[in-house]
């Protein structure tokens, strides 16, 4: 199965545009689905997740999109208040622990949902 970066609907684009602001939403507007090489159903390892660039600044929002509980994200943030890289890996570890099937497909969808389409594309093509 090929990994695909999802195309957001008009309403999803509008919602993300209001959350991120018009300049950012226009710059990151999704294009067509892009077939990629990464197996969508495969679970990424923590080592692979740690290598995904650009996640540290958005780790909390990404965690929410991945279904990590707010309580768990708050605990991570409280325990590591000045280290976004550690927060990122702890969030990914919690996602893998709490999700019965953490896959690249879910990661790509979550990255797209937080406005990181190009990053989602790079994850798929890795």
PDB file of N, CA and C in Angstrom:
ATOM      1  N   UNK A   1       0.838  -1.179   0.000  1.00  0.00           N
ATOM      2  CA  UNK A   1       0.000   0.000   0.000  1.00  0.00           C
ATOM      3  C   UNK A   1       0.881   1.238   0.000  1.00  0.00           C
ATOM      4  N   UNK A   2       0.598   2.170  -0.884  1.00  0.00           N
ATOM      5  CA  UNK A   2       1.372   3.410  -0.936  1.00  0.00           C
ATOM      6  C   UNK A   2       0.839   4.384   0.099  1.00  0.00           C
ATOM      7  N   UNK A   3       1.728   5.180   0.631  1.00  0.00           N
ATOM      8  CA  UNK A   3       1.355   6.230   1.566  1.00  0.00           C
ATOM      9  C   UNK A   3       0.888   7.433   0.749  1.00  0.00           C
ATOM     10  N   UNK A   4      -0.214   8.036   1.134  1.00  0.00           N
ATOM     11  CA  UNK A   4      -0.736   9.204   0.408  1.00  0.00           C
ATOM     12  C   UNK A   4      -0.916  10.368   1.369  1.00  0.00           C
ATOM     13  N   UNK A   5      -0.508  11.528   0.903  1.00  0.00           N
ATOM     14  CA  UNK A   5      -0.736  12.736   1.668  1.00  0.00           C
ATOM     15  C   UNK A   5      -2.160  13.179   1.362  1.00  0.00           C
ATOM     16  N   UNK A   6      -3.012  13.296   2.372  1.00  0.00           N
ATOM     17  CA  UNK A   6      -4.421  13.591   2.114  1.00  0.00           C
ATOM     18  C   UNK A   6      -4.636  15.002   1.590  1.00  0.00           C
ATOM     19  N   UNK A   7      -5.649  15.119   0.767  1.00  0.00           N
ATOM     20  CA  UNK A   7      -6.098  16.426   0.313  1.00  0.00           C
ATOM     21  C   UNK A   7      -7.199  16.866   1.258  1.00  0.00           C
ATOM     22  N   UNK A   8      -7.055  18.055   1.805  1.00  0.00           N
ATOM     23  CA  UNK A   8      -8.051  18.549   2.741  1.00  0.00           C
ATOM     24  C   UNK A   8      -9.219  19.151   1.990  1.00  0.00           C
ATOM     25  N   UNK A   9     -10.402  18.992   2.546  1.00  0.00           N
ATOM     26  CA  UNK A   9     -11.599  19.575   1.939  1.00  0.00           C
ATOM     27  C   UNK A   9     -11.563  21.089   2.088  1.00  0.00           C
ATOM     28  N   UNK A  10     -12.449  21.754   1.388  1.00  0.00           N
ATOM     29  CA  UNK A  10     -12.534  23.209   1.472  1.00  0.00           C
ATOM     30  C   UNK A  10     -12.799  23.643   2.909  1.00  0.00           C
ATOM     31  N   UNK A  11     -13.698  22.947   3.606  1.00  0.00           N
ATOM     32  CA  UNK A  11     -14.003  23.328   4.987  1.00  0.00           C
ATOM     33  C   UNK A  11     -12.807  23.084   5.908  1.00  0.00           C
ATOM     34  N   UNK A  12     -12.059  21.994   5.679  1.00  0.00           N
ATOM     35  CA  UNK A  12     -10.866  21.744   6.480  1.00  0.00           C
ATOM     36  C   UNK A  12      -9.811  22.807   6.210  1.00  0.00           C
ATOM     37  N   UNK A  13      -9.644  23.189   4.941  1.00  0.00           N
ATOM     38  CA  UNK A  13      -8.698  24.253   4.607  1.00  0.00           C
ATOM     39  C   UNK A  13      -9.108  25.563   5.271  1.00  0.00           C
ATOM     40  N   UNK A  14     -10.402  25.863   5.256  1.00  0.00           N
ATOM     41  CA  UNK A  14     -10.885  27.087   5.884  1.00  0.00           C
ATOM     42  C   UNK A  14     -10.591  27.063   7.381  1.00  0.00           C
ATOM     43  N   UNK A  15     -10.908  25.943   8.020  1.00  0.00           N
ATOM     44  CA  UNK A  15     -10.676  25.822   9.452  1.00  0.00           C
ATOM     45  C   UNK A  15      -9.201  25.969   9.761  1.00  0.00           C
ATOM     46  N   UNK A  16      -8.341  25.266   9.018  1.00  0.00           N
ATOM     47  CA  UNK A  16      -6.908  25.384   9.255  1.00  0.00           C
ATOM     48  C   UNK A  16      -6.438  26.796   8.964  1.00  0.00           C
ATOM     49  N   UNK A  17      -7.004  27.432   7.946  1.00  0.00           N
ATOM     50  CA  UNK A  17      -6.640  28.808   7.623  1.00  0.00           C
ATOM     51  C   UNK A  17      -6.968  29.757   8.758  1.00  0.00           C
ATOM     52  N   UNK A  18      -8.095  29.536   9.416  1.00  0.00           N
ATOM     53  CA  UNK A  18      -8.453  30.408  10.526  1.00  0.00           C
ATOM     54  C   UNK A  18      -7.588  30.119  11.744  1.00  0.00           C
ATOM     55  N   UNK A  19      -7.099  28.892  11.875  1.00  0.00           N
ATOM     56  CA  UNK A  19      -6.237  28.557  13.008  1.00  0.00           C
ATOM     57  C   UNK A  19      -4.801  29.016  12.789  1.00  0.00           C
ATOM     58  N   UNK A  20      -4.316  28.939  11.545  1.00  0.00           N
ATOM     59  CA  UNK A  20      -2.920  29.267  11.257  1.00  0.00           C
ATOM     60  C   UNK A  20      -2.739  30.676  10.735  1.00  0.00           C
ATOM     61  N   UNK A  21      -3.778  31.244  10.161  1.00  0.00           N
ATOM     62  CA  UNK A  21      -3.657  32.561   9.540  1.00  0.00           C
ATOM     63  C   UNK A  21      -3.599  32.400   8.037  1.00  0.00           C
ATOM     64  N   UNK A  22      -4.068  33.401   7.281  1.00  0.00           N
ATOM     65  CA  UNK A  22      -4.198  33.270   5.834  1.00  0.00           C
ATOM     66  C   UNK A  22      -2.875  33.096   5.104  1.00  0.00           C
ATOM     67  N   UNK A  23      -1.815  33.751   5.528  1.00  0.00           N
ATOM     68  CA  UNK A  23      -0.548  33.639   4.790  1.00  0.00           C
ATOM     69  C   UNK A  23      -0.009  32.218   4.843  1.00  0.00           C
ATOM     70  N   UNK A  24      -0.028  31.622   6.008  1.00  0.00           N
ATOM     71  CA  UNK A  24       0.498  30.277   6.142  1.00  0.00           C
ATOM     72  C   UNK A  24      -0.395  29.266   5.435  1.00  0.00           C
ATOM     73  N   UNK A  25      -1.712  29.411   5.546  1.00  0.00           N
ATOM     74  CA  UNK A  25      -2.597  28.436   4.928  1.00  0.00           C
ATOM     75  C   UNK A  25      -2.509  28.494   3.413  1.00  0.00           C
ATOM     76  N   UNK A  26      -2.325  29.657   2.839  1.00  0.00           N
ATOM     77  CA  UNK A  26      -2.186  29.764   1.392  1.00  0.00           C
ATOM     78  C   UNK A  26      -0.859  29.170   0.938  1.00  0.00           C
ATOM     79  N   UNK A  27       0.193  29.391   1.709  1.00  0.00           N
ATOM     80  CA  UNK A  27       1.513  28.881   1.328  1.00  0.00           C
ATOM     81  C   UNK A  27       1.553  27.364   1.401  1.00  0.00           C
ATOM     82  N   UNK A  28       0.749  26.774   2.271  1.00  0.00           N
ATOM     83  CA  UNK A  28       0.784  25.337   2.443  1.00  0.00           C
ATOM     84  C   UNK A  28      -0.482  24.667   1.923  1.00  0.00           C
ATOM     85  N   UNK A  29      -1.162  25.305   0.994  1.00  0.00           N
ATOM     86  CA  UNK A  29      -2.393  24.738   0.446  1.00  0.00           C
ATOM     87  C   UNK A  29      -2.094  23.406  -0.211  1.00  0.00           C
ATOM     88  N   UNK A  30      -2.890  22.374   0.081  1.00  0.00           N
ATOM     89  CA  UNK A  30      -2.625  21.065  -0.477  1.00  0.00           C
ATOM     90  C   UNK A  30      -2.885  21.006  -1.975  1.00  0.00           C
ATOM     91  N   UNK A  31      -2.139  20.107  -2.594  1.00  0.00           N
ATOM     92  CA  UNK A  31      -2.317  19.864  -4.014  1.00  0.00           C
ATOM     93  C   UNK A  31      -2.981  18.504  -4.165  1.00  0.00           C
ATOM     94  N   UNK A  32      -2.731  17.815  -5.265  1.00  0.00           N
ATOM     95  CA  UNK A  32      -3.301  16.483  -5.478  1.00  0.00           C
ATOM     96  C   UNK A  32      -2.650  15.476  -4.549  1.00  0.00           C
ATOM     97  N   UNK A  33      -3.313  14.334  -4.381  1.00  0.00           N
ATOM     98  CA  UNK A  33      -2.697  13.236  -3.633  1.00  0.00           C
ATOM     99  C   UNK A  33      -1.383  12.880  -4.294  1.00  0.00           C
ATOM    100  N   UNK A  34      -0.401  12.569  -3.475  1.00  0.00           N
ATOM    101  CA  UNK A  34       0.916  12.232  -3.992  1.00  0.00           C
ATOM    102  C   UNK A  34       1.242  10.809  -3.579  1.00  0.00           C
ATOM    103  N   UNK A  35       1.308   9.863  -4.538  1.00  0.00           N
ATOM    104  CA  UNK A  35       1.682   8.499  -4.168  1.00  0.00           C
ATOM    105  C   UNK A  35       3.147   8.476  -3.760  1.00  0.00           C
ATOM    106  N   UNK A  36       3.461   7.677  -2.755  1.00  0.00           N
ATOM    107  CA  UNK A  36       4.831   7.646  -2.255  1.00  0.00           C
ATOM    108  C   UNK A  36       5.274   6.222  -1.998  1.00  0.00           C
ATOM    109  N   UNK A  37       6.524   6.104  -1.555  1.00  0.00           N
ATOM    110  CA  UNK A  37       7.143   4.789  -1.414  1.00  0.00           C
ATOM    111  C   UNK A  37       6.935   4.158  -0.043  1.00  0.00           C
ATOM    112  N   UNK A  38       6.668   4.960   0.980  1.00  0.00           N
ATOM    113  CA  UNK A  38       6.570   4.433   2.341  1.00  0.00           C
ATOM    114  C   UNK A  38       5.319   3.560   2.492  1.00  0.00           C
ATOM    115  N   UNK A  39       5.458   2.426   3.115  1.00  0.00           N
ATOM    116  CA  UNK A  39       4.313   1.541   3.348  1.00  0.00           C
ATOM    117  C   UNK A  39       3.395   2.185   4.374  1.00  0.00           C
ATOM    118  N   UNK A  40       2.178   2.479   3.991  1.00  0.00           N
ATOM    119  CA  UNK A  40       1.256   3.229   4.837  1.00  0.00           C
ATOM    120  C   UNK A  40       0.874   2.474   6.099  1.00  0.00           C
ATOM    121  N   UNK A  41       0.741   1.162   6.031  1.00  0.00           N
ATOM    122  CA  UNK A  41       0.285   0.393   7.170  1.00  0.00           C
ATOM    123  C   UNK A  41       1.373  -0.004   8.144  1.00  0.00           C
ATOM    124  N   UNK A  42       2.623   0.291   7.834  1.00  0.00           N
ATOM    125  CA  UNK A  42       3.731  -0.098   8.701  1.00  0.00           C
ATOM    126  C   UNK A  42       3.856   0.860   9.881  1.00  0.00           C
ATOM    127  N   UNK A  43       4.139   0.316  11.049  1.00  0.00           N
ATOM    128  CA  UNK A  43       4.351   1.146  12.234  1.00  0.00           C
ATOM    129  C   UNK A  43       5.780   1.665  12.244  1.00  0.00           C
ATOM    130  N   UNK A  44       5.951   2.967  12.403  1.00  0.00           N
ATOM    131  CA  UNK A  44       7.304   3.517  12.482  1.00  0.00           C
ATOM    132  C   UNK A  44       7.935   3.189  13.831  1.00  0.00           C
ATOM    133  N   UNK A  45       9.238   3.036  13.836  1.00  0.00           N
ATOM    134  CA  UNK A  45       9.955   2.829  15.093  1.00  0.00           C
ATOM    135  C   UNK A  45      10.197   4.181  15.748  1.00  0.00           C
ATOM    136  N   UNK A  46      10.505   4.172  17.038  1.00  0.00           N
ATOM    137  CA  UNK A  46      10.825   5.428  17.721  1.00  0.00           C
ATOM    138  C   UNK A  46      12.055   6.076  17.098  1.00  0.00           C
ATOM    139  N   UNK A  47      12.997   5.289  16.682  1.00  0.00           N
ATOM    140  CA  UNK A  47      14.198   5.832  16.028  1.00  0.00           C
ATOM    141  C   UNK A  47      13.811   6.562  14.739  1.00  0.00           C
ATOM    142  N   UNK A  48      12.922   5.963  13.952  1.00  0.00           N
ATOM    143  CA  UNK A  48      12.463   6.614  12.721  1.00  0.00           C
ATOM    144  C   UNK A  48      11.701   7.896  13.032  1.00  0.00           C
ATOM    145  N   UNK A  49      10.855   7.844  14.042  1.00  0.00           N
ATOM    146  CA  UNK A  49      10.074   9.025  14.416  1.00  0.00           C
ATOM    147  C   UNK A  49      10.976  10.147  14.919  1.00  0.00           C
ATOM    148  N   UNK A  50      12.024   9.796  15.641  1.00  0.00           N
ATOM    149  CA  UNK A  50      12.960  10.791  16.154  1.00  0.00           C
ATOM    150  C   UNK A  50      13.676  11.517  15.016  1.00  0.00           C
ATOM    151  N   UNK A  51      13.795  10.862  13.868  1.00  0.00           N
ATOM    152  CA  UNK A  51      14.494  11.445  12.722  1.00  0.00           C
ATOM    153  C   UNK A  51      13.617  12.361  11.874  1.00  0.00           C
ATOM    154  N   UNK A  52      12.314  12.412  12.146  1.00  0.00           N
ATOM    155  CA  UNK A  52      11.423  13.282  11.371  1.00  0.00           C
ATOM    156  C   UNK A  52      11.757  14.728  11.726  1.00  0.00           C
ATOM    157  N   UNK A  53      12.178  15.534  10.737  1.00  0.00           N
ATOM    158  CA  UNK A  53      12.591  16.914  11.032  1.00  0.00           C
ATOM    159  C   UNK A  53      11.394  17.839  11.223  1.00  0.00           C
ATOM    160  N   UNK A  54      11.600  18.887  11.992  1.00  0.00           N
ATOM    161  CA  UNK A  54      10.581  19.922  12.110  1.00  0.00           C
ATOM    162  C   UNK A  54       9.400  19.613  12.996  1.00  0.00           C
ATOM    163  N   UNK A  55       9.454  18.535  13.751  1.00  0.00           N
ATOM    164  CA  UNK A  55       8.313  18.157  14.594  1.00  0.00           C
ATOM    165  C   UNK A  55       8.402  18.793  15.979  1.00  0.00           C
ATOM    166  N   UNK A  56       9.603  19.025  16.481  1.00  0.00           N
ATOM    167  CA  UNK A  56       9.749  19.539  17.846  1.00  0.00           C
ATOM    168  C   UNK A  56       8.907  20.791  18.117  1.00  0.00           C
ATOM    169  N   UNK A  57       8.892  21.788  17.227  1.00  0.00           N
ATOM    170  CA  UNK A  57       8.095  22.988  17.523  1.00  0.00           C
ATOM    171  C   UNK A  57       6.582  22.744  17.551  1.00  0.00           C
ATOM    172  N   UNK A  58       6.127  21.666  16.939  1.00  0.00           N
ATOM    173  CA  UNK A  58       4.683  21.400  16.858  1.00  0.00           C
ATOM    174  C   UNK A  58       4.296  20.107  17.572  1.00  0.00           C
ATOM    175  N   UNK A  59       5.150  19.623  18.442  1.00  0.00           N
ATOM    176  CA  UNK A  59       4.936  18.301  19.040  1.00  0.00           C
ATOM    177  C   UNK A  59       3.584  18.193  19.746  1.00  0.00           C
ATOM    178  N   UNK A  60       3.170  19.251  20.457  1.00  0.00           N
ATOM    179  CA  UNK A  60       1.918  19.191  21.214  1.00  0.00           C
ATOM    180  C   UNK A  60       0.721  19.089  20.273  1.00  0.00           C
ATOM    181  N   UNK A  61       0.661  19.959  19.273  1.00  0.00           N
ATOM    182  CA  UNK A  61      -0.455  19.924  18.311  1.00  0.00           C
ATOM    183  C   UNK A  61      -0.475  18.616  17.541  1.00  0.00           C
ATOM    184  N   UNK A  62       0.710  18.128  17.165  1.00  0.00           N
ATOM    185  CA  UNK A  62       0.783  16.852  16.445  1.00  0.00           C
ATOM    186  C   UNK A  62       0.281  15.724  17.341  1.00  0.00           C
ATOM    187  N   UNK A  63       0.670  15.747  18.605  1.00  0.00           N
ATOM    188  CA  UNK A  63       0.196  14.737  19.545  1.00  0.00           C
ATOM    189  C   UNK A  63      -1.320  14.709  19.650  1.00  0.00           C
ATOM    190  N   UNK A  64      -1.929  15.888  19.684  1.00  0.00           N
ATOM    191  CA  UNK A  64      -3.399  15.953  19.709  1.00  0.00           C
ATOM    192  C   UNK A  64      -3.984  15.289  18.473  1.00  0.00           C
ATOM    193  N   UNK A  65      -3.425  15.576  17.307  1.00  0.00           N
ATOM    194  CA  UNK A  65      -3.923  14.994  16.064  1.00  0.00           C
ATOM    195  C   UNK A  65      -3.720  13.482  16.022  1.00  0.00           C
ATOM    196  N   UNK A  66      -2.684  13.004  16.695  1.00  0.00           N
ATOM    197  CA  UNK A  66      -2.420  11.558  16.731  1.00  0.00           C
ATOM    198  C   UNK A  66      -3.278  10.846  17.771  1.00  0.00           C
ATOM    199  N   UNK A  67      -4.046  11.607  18.536  1.00  0.00           N
ATOM    200  CA  UNK A  67      -4.934  10.996  19.521  1.00  0.00           C
ATOM    201  C   UNK A  67      -4.326  10.823  20.900  1.00  0.00           C
ATOM    202  N   UNK A  68      -3.180  11.447  21.146  1.00  0.00           N
ATOM    203  CA  UNK A  68      -2.588  11.382  22.486  1.00  0.00           C
ATOM    204  C   UNK A  68      -3.437  12.256  23.407  1.00  0.00           C
ATOM    205  N   UNK A  69      -3.736  11.749  24.583  1.00  0.00           N
ATOM    206  CA  UNK A  69      -4.598  12.465  25.521  1.00  0.00           C
ATOM    207  C   UNK A  69      -3.950  13.783  25.970  1.00  0.00           C
ATOM    208  N   UNK A  70      -4.786  14.799  26.134  1.00  0.00           N
ATOM    209  CA  UNK A  70      -4.301  16.106  26.584  1.00  0.00           C
ATOM    210  C   UNK A  70      -3.569  15.976  27.919  1.00  0.00           C
ATOM    211  N   UNK A  71      -4.108  15.172  28.806  1.00  0.00           N
ATOM    212  CA  UNK A  71      -3.458  14.972  30.102  1.00  0.00           C
ATOM    213  C   UNK A  71      -2.014  14.485  29.915  1.00  0.00           C
ATOM    214  N   UNK A  72      -1.817  13.500  29.030  1.00  0.00           N
ATOM    215  CA  UNK A  72      -0.476  12.958  28.806  1.00  0.00           C
ATOM    216  C   UNK A  72       0.452  13.998  28.179  1.00  0.00           C
ATOM    217  N   UNK A  73      -0.082  14.792  27.261  1.00  0.00           N
ATOM    218  CA  UNK A  73       0.725  15.857  26.656  1.00  0.00           C
ATOM    219  C   UNK A  73       1.106  16.901  27.697  1.00  0.00           C
ATOM    220  N   UNK A  74       0.177  17.230  28.584  1.00  0.00           N
ATOM    221  CA  UNK A  74       0.463  18.200  29.645  1.00  0.00           C
ATOM    222  C   UNK A  74       1.530  17.683  30.610  1.00  0.00           C
ATOM    223  N   UNK A  75       1.481  16.404  30.932  1.00  0.00           N
ATOM    224  CA  UNK A  75       2.497  15.804  31.812  1.00  0.00           C
ATOM    225  C   UNK A  75       3.871  15.873  31.143  1.00  0.00           C
ATOM    226  N   UNK A  76       3.930  15.535  29.862  1.00  0.00           N
ATOM    227  CA  UNK A  76       5.198  15.609  29.126  1.00  0.00           C
ATOM    228  C   UNK A  76       5.725  17.042  29.153  1.00  0.00           C
ATOM    229  N   UNK A  77       4.845  17.991  28.854  1.00  0.00           N
ATOM    230  CA  UNK A  77       5.251  19.401  28.825  1.00  0.00           C
ATOM    231  C   UNK A  77       5.744  19.869  30.193  1.00  0.00           C
ATOM    232  N   UNK A  78       5.073  19.421  31.258  1.00  0.00           N
ATOM    233  CA  UNK A  78       5.472  19.806  32.612  1.00  0.00           C
ATOM    234  C   UNK A  78       6.824  19.193  32.990  1.00  0.00           C
ATOM    235  N   UNK A  79       7.049  17.941  32.595  1.00  0.00           N
ATOM    236  CA  UNK A  79       8.284  17.254  32.953  1.00  0.00           C
ATOM    237  C   UNK A  79       9.505  17.726  32.162  1.00  0.00           C
ATOM    238  N   UNK A  80       9.285  18.242  30.968  1.00  0.00           N
ATOM    239  CA  UNK A  80      10.388  18.673  30.092  1.00  0.00           C
ATOM    240  C   UNK A  80      10.065  20.052  29.500  1.00  0.00           C
ATOM    241  N   UNK A  81       9.927  21.074  30.362  1.00  0.00           N
ATOM    242  CA  UNK A  81       9.419  22.370  29.888  1.00  0.00           C
ATOM    243  C   UNK A  81      10.322  23.108  28.901  1.00  0.00           C
ATOM    244  N   UNK A  82      11.590  22.817  28.873  1.00  0.00           N
ATOM    245  CA  UNK A  82      12.502  23.560  28.004  1.00  0.00           C
ATOM    246  C   UNK A  82      13.175  22.696  26.949  1.00  0.00           C
ATOM    247  N   UNK A  83      12.629  21.520  26.708  1.00  0.00           N
ATOM    248  CA  UNK A  83      13.273  20.615  25.749  1.00  0.00           C
ATOM    249  C   UNK A  83      12.244  20.016  24.798  1.00  0.00           C
ATOM    250  N   UNK A  84      11.974  20.735  23.723  1.00  0.00           N
ATOM    251  CA  UNK A  84      10.969  20.294  22.753  1.00  0.00           C
ATOM    252  C   UNK A  84      11.369  18.991  22.071  1.00  0.00           C
ATOM    253  N   UNK A  85      12.678  18.743  21.918  1.00  0.00           N
ATOM    254  CA  UNK A  85      13.105  17.488  21.289  1.00  0.00           C
ATOM    255  C   UNK A  85      12.754  16.283  22.151  1.00  0.00           C
ATOM    256  N   UNK A  86      12.954  16.403  23.457  1.00  0.00           N
ATOM    257  CA  UNK A  86      12.575  15.315  24.368  1.00  0.00           C
ATOM    258  C   UNK A  86      11.050  15.183  24.394  1.00  0.00           C
ATOM    259  N   UNK A  87      10.342  16.304  24.429  1.00  0.00           N
ATOM    260  CA  UNK A  87       8.874  16.268  24.408  1.00  0.00           C
ATOM    261  C   UNK A  87       8.383  15.540  23.164  1.00  0.00           C
ATOM    262  N   UNK A  88       9.013  15.815  22.037  1.00  0.00           N
ATOM    263  CA  UNK A  88       8.626  15.173  20.773  1.00  0.00           C
ATOM    264  C   UNK A  88       8.742  13.655  20.879  1.00  0.00           C
ATOM    265  N   UNK A  89       9.864  13.157  21.354  1.00  0.00           N
ATOM    266  CA  UNK A  89      10.059  11.710  21.397  1.00  0.00           C
ATOM    267  C   UNK A  89       9.164  11.077  22.460  1.00  0.00           C
ATOM    268  N   UNK A  90       8.951  11.769  23.576  1.00  0.00           N
ATOM    269  CA  UNK A  90       8.035  11.255  24.605  1.00  0.00           C
ATOM    270  C   UNK A  90       6.605  11.196  24.059  1.00  0.00           C
ATOM    271  N   UNK A  91       6.212  12.213  23.280  1.00  0.00           N
ATOM    272  CA  UNK A  91       4.881  12.221  22.669  1.00  0.00           C
ATOM    273  C   UNK A  91       4.740  11.056  21.707  1.00  0.00           C
ATOM    274  N   UNK A  92       5.770  10.828  20.869  1.00  0.00           N
ATOM    275  CA  UNK A  92       5.717   9.698  19.937  1.00  0.00           C
ATOM    276  C   UNK A  92       5.656   8.369  20.690  1.00  0.00           C
ATOM    277  N   UNK A  93       6.394   8.258  21.784  1.00  0.00           N
ATOM    278  CA  UNK A  93       6.371   7.030  22.584  1.00  0.00           C
ATOM    279  C   UNK A  93       4.970   6.807  23.170  1.00  0.00           C
ATOM    280  N   UNK A  94       4.349   7.876  23.635  1.00  0.00           N
ATOM    281  CA  UNK A  94       2.989   7.762  24.185  1.00  0.00           C
ATOM    282  C   UNK A  94       2.005   7.393  23.086  1.00  0.00           C
ATOM    283  N   UNK A  95       2.180   7.963  21.897  1.00  0.00           N
ATOM    284  CA  UNK A  95       1.317   7.606  20.763  1.00  0.00           C
ATOM    285  C   UNK A  95       1.443   6.119  20.464  1.00  0.00           C
ATOM    286  N   UNK A  96       2.668   5.605  20.406  1.00  0.00           N
ATOM    287  CA  UNK A  96       2.858   4.187  20.114  1.00  0.00           C
ATOM    288  C   UNK A  96       2.292   3.308  21.226  1.00  0.00           C
ATOM    289  N   UNK A  97       2.380   3.768  22.467  1.00  0.00           N
ATOM    290  CA  UNK A  97       1.868   2.994  23.585  1.00  0.00           C
ATOM    291  C   UNK A  97       0.338   2.954  23.589  1.00  0.00           C
ATOM    292  N   UNK A  98      -0.281   4.096  23.291  1.00  0.00           N
ATOM    293  CA  UNK A  98      -1.734   4.195  23.442  1.00  0.00           C
ATOM    294  C   UNK A  98      -2.526   3.819  22.189  1.00  0.00           C
ATOM    295  N   UNK A  99      -1.919   3.891  21.025  1.00  0.00           N
ATOM    296  CA  UNK A  99      -2.610   3.561  19.775  1.00  0.00           C
ATOM    297  C   UNK A  99      -2.394   2.076  19.480  1.00  0.00           C
ATOM    298  N   UNK A 100      -3.457   1.364  19.187  1.00  0.00           N
ATOM    299  CA  UNK A 100      -3.329  -0.067  18.910  1.00  0.00           C
ATOM    300  C   UNK A 100      -2.640  -0.340  17.574  1.00  0.00           C
ATOM    301  N   UNK A 101      -2.609   0.655  16.699  1.00  0.00           N
ATOM    302  CA  UNK A 101      -1.990   0.476  15.385  1.00  0.00           C
ATOM    303  C   UNK A 101      -1.423   1.807  14.875  1.00  0.00           C
ATOM    304  N   UNK A 102      -0.302   2.281  15.477  1.00  0.00           N
ATOM    305  CA  UNK A 102       0.285   3.544  15.021  1.00  0.00           C
ATOM    306  C   UNK A 102       1.003   3.330  13.685  1.00  0.00           C
ATOM    307  N   UNK A 103       0.540   4.000  12.649  1.00  0.00           N
ATOM    308  CA  UNK A 103       1.086   3.770  11.306  1.00  0.00           C
ATOM    309  C   UNK A 103       1.601   5.063  10.690  1.00  0.00           C
ATOM    310  N   UNK A 104       2.387   4.890   9.635  1.00  0.00           N
ATOM    311  CA  UNK A 104       2.838   6.053   8.869  1.00  0.00           C
ATOM    312  C   UNK A 104       1.652   6.810   8.296  1.00  0.00           C
ATOM    313  N   UNK A 105       0.626   6.093   7.890  1.00  0.00           N
ATOM    314  CA  UNK A 105      -0.555   6.752   7.333  1.00  0.00           C
ATOM    315  C   UNK A 105      -1.169   7.722   8.342  1.00  0.00           C
ATOM    316  N   UNK A 106      -1.277   7.292   9.599  1.00  0.00           N
ATOM    317  CA  UNK A 106      -1.817   8.164  10.651  1.00  0.00           C
ATOM    318  C   UNK A 106      -0.903   9.359  10.886  1.00  0.00           C
ATOM    319  N   UNK A 107       0.401   9.127  10.863  1.00  0.00           N
ATOM    320  CA  UNK A 107       1.355  10.216  11.046  1.00  0.00           C
ATOM    321  C   UNK A 107       1.227  11.240   9.921  1.00  0.00           C
ATOM    322  N   UNK A 108       1.128  10.761   8.702  1.00  0.00           N
ATOM    323  CA  UNK A 108       1.004  11.655   7.546  1.00  0.00           C
ATOM    324  C   UNK A 108      -0.281  12.466   7.623  1.00  0.00           C
ATOM    325  N   UNK A 109      -1.373  11.819   7.996  1.00  0.00           N
ATOM    326  CA  UNK A 109      -2.647  12.539   8.137  1.00  0.00           C
ATOM    327  C   UNK A 109      -2.546  13.604   9.230  1.00  0.00           C
ATOM    328  N   UNK A 110      -1.916  13.262  10.337  1.00  0.00           N
ATOM    329  CA  UNK A 110      -1.778  14.220  11.443  1.00  0.00           C
ATOM    330  C   UNK A 110      -0.889  15.395  11.039  1.00  0.00           C
ATOM    331  N   UNK A 111       0.208  15.118  10.345  1.00  0.00           N
ATOM    332  CA  UNK A 111       1.078  16.199   9.877  1.00  0.00           C
ATOM    333  C   UNK A 111       0.333  17.125   8.927  1.00  0.00           C
ATOM    334  N   UNK A 112      -0.449  16.557   8.044  1.00  0.00           N
ATOM    335  CA  UNK A 112      -1.245  17.374   7.118  1.00  0.00           C
ATOM    336  C   UNK A 112      -2.274  18.207   7.879  1.00  0.00           C
ATOM    337  N   UNK A 113      -2.870  17.617   8.899  1.00  0.00           N
ATOM    338  CA  UNK A 113      -3.904  18.309   9.674  1.00  0.00           C
ATOM    339  C   UNK A 113      -3.357  19.513  10.432  1.00  0.00           C
ATOM    340  N   UNK A 114      -2.074  19.474  10.799  1.00  0.00           N
ATOM    341  CA  UNK A 114      -1.480  20.617  11.505  1.00  0.00           C
ATOM    342  C   UNK A 114      -0.774  21.561  10.533  1.00  0.00           C
ATOM    343  N   UNK A 115      -1.004  21.355   9.237  1.00  0.00           N
ATOM    344  CA  UNK A 115      -0.471  22.277   8.242  1.00  0.00           C
ATOM    345  C   UNK A 115       0.941  21.984   7.775  1.00  0.00           C
ATOM    346  N   UNK A 116       1.422  20.785   7.992  1.00  0.00           N
ATOM    347  CA  UNK A 116       2.785  20.417   7.596  1.00  0.00           C
ATOM    348  C   UNK A 116       2.761  19.441   6.428  1.00  0.00           C
ATOM    349  N   UNK A 117       2.135  19.849   5.327  1.00  0.00           N
ATOM    350  CA  UNK A 117       1.990  18.996   4.153  1.00  0.00           C
ATOM    351  C   UNK A 117       3.341  18.593   3.552  1.00  0.00           C
ATOM    352  N   UNK A 118       4.242  19.546   3.424  1.00  0.00           N
ATOM    353  CA  UNK A 118       5.552  19.223   2.837  1.00  0.00           C
ATOM    354  C   UNK A 118       6.311  18.227   3.714  1.00  0.00           C
ATOM    355  N   UNK A 119       6.204  18.383   5.006  1.00  0.00           N
ATOM    356  CA  UNK A 119       6.812  17.427   5.924  1.00  0.00           C
ATOM    357  C   UNK A 119       6.156  16.063   5.788  1.00  0.00           C
ATOM    358  N   UNK A 120       4.830  16.048   5.651  1.00  0.00           N
ATOM    359  CA  UNK A 120       4.115  14.788   5.436  1.00  0.00           C
ATOM    360  C   UNK A 120       4.600  14.108   4.155  1.00  0.00           C
ATOM    361  N   UNK A 121       4.808  14.889   3.115  1.00  0.00           N
ATOM    362  CA  UNK A 121       5.319  14.347   1.860  1.00  0.00           C
ATOM    363  C   UNK A 121       6.708  13.752   2.042  1.00  0.00           C
ATOM    364  N   UNK A 122       7.551  14.439   2.814  1.00  0.00           N
ATOM    365  CA  UNK A 122       8.916  13.933   3.022  1.00  0.00           C
ATOM    366  C   UNK A 122       8.905  12.646   3.857  1.00  0.00           C
ATOM    367  N   UNK A 123       7.979  12.543   4.816  1.00  0.00           N
ATOM    368  CA  UNK A 123       7.862  11.322   5.618  1.00  0.00           C
ATOM    369  C   UNK A 123       7.464  10.156   4.725  1.00  0.00           C
ATOM    370  N   UNK A 124       6.543  10.404   3.824  1.00  0.00           N
ATOM    371  CA  UNK A 124       6.066   9.347   2.924  1.00  0.00           C
ATOM    372  C   UNK A 124       7.155   8.871   1.980  1.00  0.00           C
ATOM    373  N   UNK A 125       7.994   9.779   1.528  1.00  0.00           N
ATOM    374  CA  UNK A 125       8.977   9.419   0.508  1.00  0.00           C
ATOM    375  C   UNK A 125      10.283   8.910   1.089  1.00  0.00           C
ATOM    376  N   UNK A 126      10.375   8.886   2.420  1.00  0.00           N
ATOM    377  CA  UNK A 126      11.617   8.430   3.056  1.00  0.00           C
ATOM    378  C   UNK A 126      11.820   6.944   2.850  1.00  0.00           C
TER     379      UNK A 126
END
